[in-house]
Structures are given as structure tokens and as C-alpha cells.
Amino acid sequence: MIEEGVIINICSQAAFMITRPQHELAYHAAKGGLIMLTKALTAEWTKYNIRVNAIAPEYMHTEKLHKSLIEKNPEIVEFWKK
């Protein structure tokens, strides 16, 4: 990794904003921590020519999201629309 290493952390918009009305305290804390880990590793490992980045996608309509959240909690979808 020292010659041309690349690390890409998969984060979430939950690192930057609170997703409401779900209660996801641990998820927000973990994703926020991942952003800081990415920044710290970047600061420390740049000298070794290792790039460390994070991507933070928003909700993606997947089958899992649909079955686990949208079908079980239609009121959340209405909250988001407002």
C-alpha cells in the first residue's frame, strides 16, 4: 500500500445530518466517526503516498430499503415528502 495505496470508506449522509424521523443514534455516531477516521488517516498516511477517501451517498431505493423501511413505515415516507 505504501507506493500507491487507496482506501475508500463507505459512509453516509447520516454523518452530516440527522435522518428524521428514524432514531438511529448509533448509526449517526458510527458514520460521523468514519468521516473523522478518514480525515485522520489522510493526515497521517499522505507521507506514505496512501490516499484515503470516503463517499457518502444518500438514500438509494433498493429492495432492502423498500422492505425494511418503506413498506413497514409509510408514515416515514410521508414525513420525507413534506
PDB file of N, CA and C in Angstrom:
ATOM      1  N   MET A   1       0.821  -1.203   0.000  1.00  0.00           N
ATOM      2  CA  MET A   1       0.000   0.000   0.000  1.00  0.00           C
ATOM      3  C   MET A   1       0.858   1.257   0.000  1.00  0.00           C
ATOM      4  N   ILE A   2       2.054   1.159   0.487  1.00  0.00           N
ATOM      5  CA  ILE A   2       2.842   2.377   0.658  1.00  0.00           C
ATOM      6  C   ILE A   2       3.143   3.059  -0.670  1.00  0.00           C
ATOM      7  N   GLU A   3       3.312   2.341  -1.742  1.00  0.00           N
ATOM      8  CA  GLU A   3       3.654   3.001  -3.002  1.00  0.00           C
ATOM      9  C   GLU A   3       2.466   3.666  -3.676  1.00  0.00           C
ATOM     10  N   GLU A   4       1.324   3.016  -3.714  1.00  0.00           N
ATOM     11  CA  GLU A   4       0.155   3.595  -4.376  1.00  0.00           C
ATOM     12  C   GLU A   4      -1.135   3.124  -3.732  1.00  0.00           C
ATOM     13  N   GLY A   5      -1.218   3.188  -2.432  1.00  0.00           N
ATOM     14  CA  GLY A   5      -2.395   2.681  -1.742  1.00  0.00           C
ATOM     15  C   GLY A   5      -3.586   3.622  -1.829  1.00  0.00           C
ATOM     16  N   VAL A   6      -4.759   3.037  -1.889  1.00  0.00           N
ATOM     17  CA  VAL A   6      -6.005   3.798  -1.905  1.00  0.00           C
ATOM     18  C   VAL A   6      -7.002   3.096  -0.988  1.00  0.00           C
ATOM     19  N   ILE A   7      -7.573   3.856  -0.072  1.00  0.00           N
ATOM     20  CA  ILE A   7      -8.623   3.345   0.808  1.00  0.00           C
ATOM     21  C   ILE A   7      -9.857   4.194   0.562  1.00  0.00           C
ATOM     22  N   ILE A   8     -10.980   3.550   0.333  1.00  0.00           N
ATOM     23  CA  ILE A   8     -12.241   4.267   0.156  1.00  0.00           C
ATOM     24  C   ILE A   8     -13.209   3.767   1.219  1.00  0.00           C
ATOM     25  N   ASN A   9     -13.557   4.633   2.142  1.00  0.00           N
ATOM     26  CA  ASN A   9     -14.520   4.289   3.185  1.00  0.00           C
ATOM     27  C   ASN A   9     -15.925   4.603   2.687  1.00  0.00           C
ATOM     28  N   ILE A  10     -16.852   3.707   2.951  1.00  0.00           N
ATOM     29  CA  ILE A  10     -18.241   3.909   2.562  1.00  0.00           C
ATOM     30  C   ILE A  10     -18.965   4.521   3.753  1.00  0.00           C
ATOM     31  N   CYS A  11     -19.377   5.727   3.583  1.00  0.00           N
ATOM     32  CA  CYS A  11     -20.021   6.455   4.659  1.00  0.00           C
ATOM     33  C   CYS A  11     -21.493   6.661   4.311  1.00  0.00           C
ATOM     34  N   SER A  12     -22.070   7.744   4.773  1.00  0.00           N
ATOM     35  CA  SER A  12     -23.486   8.011   4.555  1.00  0.00           C
ATOM     36  C   SER A  12     -23.745   9.486   4.821  1.00  0.00           C
ATOM     37  N   GLN A  13     -24.829   9.985   4.274  1.00  0.00           N
ATOM     38  CA  GLN A  13     -25.236  11.361   4.592  1.00  0.00           C
ATOM     39  C   GLN A  13     -25.538  11.500   6.076  1.00  0.00           C
ATOM     40  N   ALA A  14     -25.792  10.389   6.742  1.00  0.00           N
ATOM     41  CA  ALA A  14     -26.057  10.417   8.183  1.00  0.00           C
ATOM     42  C   ALA A  14     -24.847  10.890   8.984  1.00  0.00           C
ATOM     43  N   ALA A  15     -23.686  10.984   8.363  1.00  0.00           N
ATOM     44  CA  ALA A  15     -22.517  11.538   9.043  1.00  0.00           C
ATOM     45  C   ALA A  15     -22.602  13.058   9.141  1.00  0.00           C
ATOM     46  N   PHE A  16     -23.438  13.656   8.313  1.00  0.00           N
ATOM     47  CA  PHE A  16     -23.508  15.114   8.223  1.00  0.00           C
ATOM     48  C   PHE A  16     -24.849  15.693   8.664  1.00  0.00           C
ATOM     49  N   MET A  17     -25.888  14.864   8.706  1.00  0.00           N
ATOM     50  CA  MET A  17     -27.213  15.361   9.071  1.00  0.00           C
ATOM     51  C   MET A  17     -27.988  14.257   9.778  1.00  0.00           C
ATOM     52  N   ILE A  18     -28.938  14.664  10.568  1.00  0.00           N
ATOM     53  CA  ILE A  18     -29.766  13.703  11.284  1.00  0.00           C
ATOM     54  C   ILE A  18     -30.899  13.268  10.375  1.00  0.00           C
ATOM     55  N   THR A  19     -31.039  11.967  10.198  1.00  0.00           N
ATOM     56  CA  THR A  19     -32.150  11.452   9.405  1.00  0.00           C
ATOM     57  C   THR A  19     -33.356  11.320  10.308  1.00  0.00           C
ATOM     58  N   ARG A  20     -34.378  12.036   9.973  1.00  0.00           N
ATOM     59  CA  ARG A  20     -35.595  12.022  10.781  1.00  0.00           C
ATOM     60  C   ARG A  20     -36.710  11.431   9.959  1.00  0.00           C
ATOM     61  N   PRO A  21     -37.669  10.822  10.552  1.00  0.00           N
ATOM     62  CA  PRO A  21     -37.929  10.681  11.986  1.00  0.00           C
ATOM     63  C   PRO A  21     -37.361   9.401  12.601  1.00  0.00           C
ATOM     64  N   GLN A  22     -36.536   8.659  11.880  1.00  0.00           N
ATOM     65  CA  GLN A  22     -35.949   7.445  12.449  1.00  0.00           C
ATOM     66  C   GLN A  22     -35.013   7.814  13.598  1.00  0.00           C
ATOM     67  N   HIS A  23     -34.890   6.900  14.527  1.00  0.00           N
ATOM     68  CA  HIS A  23     -33.968   7.088  15.648  1.00  0.00           C
ATOM     69  C   HIS A  23     -32.765   6.182  15.401  1.00  0.00           C
ATOM     70  N   GLU A  24     -31.685   6.769  14.969  1.00  0.00           N
ATOM     71  CA  GLU A  24     -30.511   5.984  14.583  1.00  0.00           C
ATOM     72  C   GLU A  24     -29.239   6.565  15.196  1.00  0.00           C
ATOM     73  N   LEU A  25     -29.258   6.752  16.498  1.00  0.00           N
ATOM     74  CA  LEU A  25     -28.140   7.367  17.199  1.00  0.00           C
ATOM     75  C   LEU A  25     -26.812   6.662  16.919  1.00  0.00           C
ATOM     76  N   ALA A  26     -26.779   5.355  17.074  1.00  0.00           N
ATOM     77  CA  ALA A  26     -25.533   4.615  16.884  1.00  0.00           C
ATOM     78  C   ALA A  26     -25.047   4.720  15.435  1.00  0.00           C
ATOM     79  N   TYR A  27     -25.972   4.695  14.488  1.00  0.00           N
ATOM     80  CA  TYR A  27     -25.605   4.787  13.066  1.00  0.00           C
ATOM     81  C   TYR A  27     -24.980   6.146  12.768  1.00  0.00           C
ATOM     82  N   HIS A  28     -25.598   7.220  13.276  1.00  0.00           N
ATOM     83  CA  HIS A  28     -25.050   8.562  13.063  1.00  0.00           C
ATOM     84  C   HIS A  28     -23.662   8.702  13.693  1.00  0.00           C
ATOM     85  N   ALA A  29     -23.524   8.193  14.897  1.00  0.00           N
ATOM     86  CA  ALA A  29     -22.231   8.276  15.580  1.00  0.00           C
ATOM     87  C   ALA A  29     -21.155   7.499  14.830  1.00  0.00           C
ATOM     88  N   ALA A  30     -21.502   6.314  14.344  1.00  0.00           N
ATOM     89  CA  ALA A  30     -20.537   5.489  13.617  1.00  0.00           C
ATOM     90  C   ALA A  30     -20.111   6.164  12.312  1.00  0.00           C
ATOM     91  N   LYS A  31     -21.064   6.708  11.575  1.00  0.00           N
ATOM     92  CA  LYS A  31     -20.731   7.341  10.295  1.00  0.00           C
ATOM     93  C   LYS A  31     -19.959   8.638  10.504  1.00  0.00           C
ATOM     94  N   GLY A  32     -20.290   9.388  11.545  1.00  0.00           N
ATOM     95  CA  GLY A  32     -19.505  10.579  11.869  1.00  0.00           C
ATOM     96  C   GLY A  32     -18.076  10.215  12.248  1.00  0.00           C
ATOM     97  N   GLY A  33     -17.943   9.128  13.001  1.00  0.00           N
ATOM     98  CA  GLY A  33     -16.612   8.653  13.371  1.00  0.00           C
ATOM     99  C   GLY A  33     -15.810   8.198  12.163  1.00  0.00           C
ATOM    100  N   LEU A  34     -16.490   7.612  11.191  1.00  0.00           N
ATOM    101  CA  LEU A  34     -15.812   7.160   9.979  1.00  0.00           C
ATOM    102  C   LEU A  34     -15.268   8.345   9.178  1.00  0.00           C
ATOM    103  N   ILE A  35     -16.003   9.446   9.167  1.00  0.00           N
ATOM    104  CA  ILE A  35     -15.509  10.661   8.490  1.00  0.00           C
ATOM    105  C   ILE A  35     -14.231  11.150   9.176  1.00  0.00           C
ATOM    106  N   MET A  36     -14.226  11.201  10.503  1.00  0.00           N
ATOM    107  CA  MET A  36     -13.034  11.658  11.216  1.00  0.00           C
ATOM    108  C   MET A  36     -11.875  10.675  11.070  1.00  0.00           C
ATOM    109  N   LEU A  37     -12.173   9.378  11.047  1.00  0.00           N
ATOM    110  CA  LEU A  37     -11.127   8.386  10.798  1.00  0.00           C
ATOM    111  C   LEU A  37     -10.502   8.620   9.428  1.00  0.00           C
ATOM    112  N   THR A  38     -11.331   8.885   8.431  1.00  0.00           N
ATOM    113  CA  THR A  38     -10.838   9.154   7.080  1.00  0.00           C
ATOM    114  C   THR A  38      -9.923  10.369   7.075  1.00  0.00           C
ATOM    115  N   LYS A  39     -10.338  11.433   7.750  1.00  0.00           N
ATOM    116  CA  LYS A  39      -9.514  12.657   7.805  1.00  0.00           C
ATOM    117  C   LYS A  39      -8.194  12.402   8.527  1.00  0.00           C
ATOM    118  N   ALA A  40      -8.259  11.669   9.635  1.00  0.00           N
ATOM    119  CA  ALA A  40      -7.042  11.400  10.403  1.00  0.00           C
ATOM    120  C   ALA A  40      -6.070  10.521   9.619  1.00  0.00           C
ATOM    121  N   LEU A  41      -6.593   9.486   8.965  1.00  0.00           N
ATOM    122  CA  LEU A  41      -5.720   8.623   8.168  1.00  0.00           C
ATOM    123  C   LEU A  41      -5.113   9.393   7.000  1.00  0.00           C
ATOM    124  N   THR A  42      -5.902  10.268   6.399  1.00  0.00           N
ATOM    125  CA  THR A  42      -5.372  11.094   5.309  1.00  0.00           C
ATOM    126  C   THR A  42      -4.198  11.934   5.805  1.00  0.00           C
ATOM    127  N   ALA A  43      -4.386  12.566   6.951  1.00  0.00           N
ATOM    128  CA  ALA A  43      -3.328  13.422   7.505  1.00  0.00           C
ATOM    129  C   ALA A  43      -2.068  12.620   7.836  1.00  0.00           C
ATOM    130  N   GLU A  44      -2.242  11.420   8.344  1.00  0.00           N
ATOM    131  CA  GLU A  44      -1.093  10.629   8.774  1.00  0.00           C
ATOM    132  C   GLU A  44      -0.434   9.835   7.649  1.00  0.00           C
ATOM    133  N   TRP A  45      -1.202   9.395   6.667  1.00  0.00           N
ATOM    134  CA  TRP A  45      -0.674   8.485   5.664  1.00  0.00           C
ATOM    135  C   TRP A  45      -0.331   9.141   4.334  1.00  0.00           C
ATOM    136  N   THR A  46      -0.580  10.431   4.195  1.00  0.00           N
ATOM    137  CA  THR A  46      -0.204  11.127   2.959  1.00  0.00           C
ATOM    138  C   THR A  46       1.299  10.994   2.707  1.00  0.00           C
ATOM    139  N   LYS A  47       2.070  11.043   3.758  1.00  0.00           N
ATOM    140  CA  LYS A  47       3.529  10.953   3.599  1.00  0.00           C
ATOM    141  C   LYS A  47       3.964   9.604   3.017  1.00  0.00           C
ATOM    142  N   TYR A  48       3.099   8.595   3.111  1.00  0.00           N
ATOM    143  CA  TYR A  48       3.395   7.280   2.535  1.00  0.00           C
ATOM    144  C   TYR A  48       2.770   7.101   1.152  1.00  0.00           C
ATOM    145  N   ASN A  49       2.191   8.177   0.637  1.00  0.00           N
ATOM    146  CA  ASN A  49       1.547   8.152  -0.683  1.00  0.00           C
ATOM    147  C   ASN A  49       0.311   7.241  -0.699  1.00  0.00           C
ATOM    148  N   ILE A  50      -0.375   7.194   0.440  1.00  0.00           N
ATOM    149  CA  ILE A  50      -1.624   6.430   0.540  1.00  0.00           C
ATOM    150  C   ILE A  50      -2.777   7.430   0.562  1.00  0.00           C
ATOM    151  N   ARG A  51      -3.693   7.279  -0.368  1.00  0.00           N
ATOM    152  CA  ARG A  51      -4.870   8.150  -0.414  1.00  0.00           C
ATOM    153  C   ARG A  51      -6.000   7.501   0.374  1.00  0.00           C
ATOM    154  N   VAL A  52      -6.677   8.299   1.187  1.00  0.00           N
ATOM    155  CA  VAL A  52      -7.812   7.814   1.968  1.00  0.00           C
ATOM    156  C   VAL A  52      -8.985   8.751   1.694  1.00  0.00           C
ATOM    157  N   ASN A  53     -10.068   8.195   1.196  1.00  0.00           N
ATOM    158  CA  ASN A  53     -11.250   8.985   0.870  1.00  0.00           C
ATOM    159  C   ASN A  53     -12.486   8.301   1.432  1.00  0.00           C
ATOM    160  N   ALA A  54     -13.576   9.055   1.463  1.00  0.00           N
ATOM    161  CA  ALA A  54     -14.869   8.488   1.860  1.00  0.00           C
ATOM    162  C   ALA A  54     -15.920   8.969   0.874  1.00  0.00           C
ATOM    163  N   ILE A  55     -16.862   8.105   0.601  1.00  0.00           N
ATOM    164  CA  ILE A  55     -18.013   8.525  -0.184  1.00  0.00           C
ATOM    165  C   ILE A  55     -19.230   8.430   0.736  1.00  0.00           C
ATOM    166  N   ALA A  56     -20.182   9.339   0.525  1.00  0.00           N
ATOM    167  CA  ALA A  56     -21.340   9.407   1.413  1.00  0.00           C
ATOM    168  C   ALA A  56     -22.622   9.538   0.593  1.00  0.00           C
ATOM    169  N   PRO A  57     -23.109   8.428   0.063  1.00  0.00           N
ATOM    170  CA  PRO A  57     -24.335   8.500  -0.734  1.00  0.00           C
ATOM    171  C   PRO A  57     -25.565   8.756   0.134  1.00  0.00           C
ATOM    172  N   GLU A  58     -26.593   9.273  -0.507  1.00  0.00           N
ATOM    173  CA  GLU A  58     -27.874   9.450   0.172  1.00  0.00           C
ATOM    174  C   GLU A  58     -28.662   8.144   0.057  1.00  0.00           C
ATOM    175  N   TYR A  59     -29.933   8.198   0.462  1.00  0.00           N
ATOM    176  CA  TYR A  59     -30.771   7.005   0.339  1.00  0.00           C
ATOM    177  C   TYR A  59     -30.795   6.538  -1.107  1.00  0.00           C
ATOM    178  N   MET A  60     -30.706   5.258  -1.265  1.00  0.00           N
ATOM    179  CA  MET A  60     -30.833   4.642  -2.577  1.00  0.00           C
ATOM    180  C   MET A  60     -32.008   3.687  -2.489  1.00  0.00           C
ATOM    181  N   HIS A  61     -32.940   3.817  -3.398  1.00  0.00           N
ATOM    182  CA  HIS A  61     -34.119   2.963  -3.349  1.00  0.00           C
ATOM    183  C   HIS A  61     -33.726   1.554  -3.789  1.00  0.00           C
ATOM    184  N   THR A  62     -33.528   0.727  -2.803  1.00  0.00           N
ATOM    185  CA  THR A  62     -33.190  -0.671  -3.042  1.00  0.00           C
ATOM    186  C   THR A  62     -34.320  -1.554  -2.514  1.00  0.00           C
ATOM    187  N   GLU A  63     -34.285  -2.807  -2.874  1.00  0.00           N
ATOM    188  CA  GLU A  63     -35.299  -3.737  -2.382  1.00  0.00           C
ATOM    189  C   GLU A  63     -35.250  -3.834  -0.864  1.00  0.00           C
ATOM    190  N   LYS A  64     -34.048  -3.839  -0.312  1.00  0.00           N
ATOM    191  CA  LYS A  64     -33.901  -3.930   1.142  1.00  0.00           C
ATOM    192  C   LYS A  64     -34.505  -2.708   1.829  1.00  0.00           C
ATOM    193  N   LEU A  65     -34.208  -1.517   1.323  1.00  0.00           N
ATOM    194  CA  LEU A  65     -34.788  -0.308   1.906  1.00  0.00           C
ATOM    195  C   LEU A  65     -36.302  -0.350   1.807  1.00  0.00           C
ATOM    196  N   HIS A  66     -36.798  -0.780   0.679  1.00  0.00           N
ATOM    197  CA  HIS A  66     -38.236  -0.807   0.473  1.00  0.00           C
ATOM    198  C   HIS A  66     -38.916  -1.755   1.468  1.00  0.00           C
ATOM    199  N   LYS A  67     -38.362  -2.947   1.611  1.00  0.00           N
ATOM    200  CA  LYS A  67     -38.982  -3.939   2.501  1.00  0.00           C
ATOM    201  C   LYS A  67     -38.780  -3.609   3.968  1.00  0.00           C
ATOM    202  N   SER A  68     -37.615  -3.103   4.336  1.00  0.00           N
ATOM    203  CA  SER A  68     -37.322  -2.891   5.749  1.00  0.00           C
ATOM    204  C   SER A  68     -37.854  -1.565   6.284  1.00  0.00           C
ATOM    205  N   LEU A  69     -38.031  -0.588   5.420  1.00  0.00           N
ATOM    206  CA  LEU A  69     -38.419   0.731   5.918  1.00  0.00           C
ATOM    207  C   LEU A  69     -39.708   1.233   5.289  1.00  0.00           C
ATOM    208  N   ILE A  70     -39.769   1.277   4.004  1.00  0.00           N
ATOM    209  CA  ILE A  70     -40.892   1.915   3.317  1.00  0.00           C
ATOM    210  C   ILE A  70     -42.191   1.130   3.507  1.00  0.00           C
ATOM    211  N   GLU A  71     -42.155  -0.172   3.333  1.00  0.00           N
ATOM    212  CA  GLU A  71     -43.374  -0.973   3.495  1.00  0.00           C
ATOM    213  C   GLU A  71     -43.848  -1.002   4.943  1.00  0.00           C
ATOM    214  N   LYS A  72     -42.911  -1.041   5.880  1.00  0.00           N
ATOM    215  CA  LYS A  72     -43.282  -1.145   7.287  1.00  0.00           C
ATOM    216  C   LYS A  72     -43.627   0.199   7.917  1.00  0.00           C
ATOM    217  N   ASN A  73     -43.153   1.293   7.325  1.00  0.00           N
ATOM    218  CA  ASN A  73     -43.340   2.620   7.919  1.00  0.00           C
ATOM    219  C   ASN A  73     -43.725   3.654   6.865  1.00  0.00           C
ATOM    220  N   PRO A  74     -44.891   3.551   6.264  1.00  0.00           N
ATOM    221  CA  PRO A  74     -45.260   4.514   5.227  1.00  0.00           C
ATOM    222  C   PRO A  74     -45.320   5.955   5.739  1.00  0.00           C
ATOM    223  N   GLU A  75     -45.505   6.131   7.043  1.00  0.00           N
ATOM    224  CA  GLU A  75     -45.542   7.492   7.607  1.00  0.00           C
ATOM    225  C   GLU A  75     -44.187   8.189   7.482  1.00  0.00           C
ATOM    226  N   ILE A  76     -43.111   7.408   7.467  1.00  0.00           N
ATOM    227  CA  ILE A  76     -41.777   7.996   7.292  1.00  0.00           C
ATOM    228  C   ILE A  76     -41.651   8.595   5.893  1.00  0.00           C
ATOM    229  N   VAL A  77     -42.143   7.878   4.906  1.00  0.00           N
ATOM    230  CA  VAL A  77     -42.094   8.378   3.530  1.00  0.00           C
ATOM    231  C   VAL A  77     -42.881   9.680   3.429  1.00  0.00           C
ATOM    232  N   GLU A  78     -44.026   9.749   4.055  1.00  0.00           N
ATOM    233  CA  GLU A  78     -44.825  10.987   4.044  1.00  0.00           C
ATOM    234  C   GLU A  78     -44.077  12.118   4.756  1.00  0.00           C
ATOM    235  N   PHE A  79     -43.384  11.806   5.830  1.00  0.00           N
ATOM    236  CA  PHE A  79     -42.579  12.815   6.531  1.00  0.00           C
ATOM    237  C   PHE A  79     -41.491  13.368   5.622  1.00  0.00           C
ATOM    238  N   TRP A  80     -40.813  12.463   4.906  1.00  0.00           N
ATOM    239  CA  TRP A  80     -39.745  12.882   3.986  1.00  0.00           C
ATOM    240  C   TRP A  80     -40.296  13.776   2.887  1.00  0.00           C
ATOM    241  N   LYS A  81     -41.463  13.442   2.357  1.00  0.00           N
ATOM    242  CA  LYS A  81     -42.052  14.213   1.261  1.00  0.00           C
ATOM    243  C   LYS A  81     -42.359  15.648   1.700  1.00  0.00           C
ATOM    244  N   LYS A  82     -42.772  15.797   2.965  1.00  0.00           N
ATOM    245  CA  LYS A  82     -43.071  17.138   3.475  1.00  0.00           C
ATOM    246  C   LYS A  82     -41.815  17.973   3.565  1.00  0.00           C
TER     247      LYS A  82
END
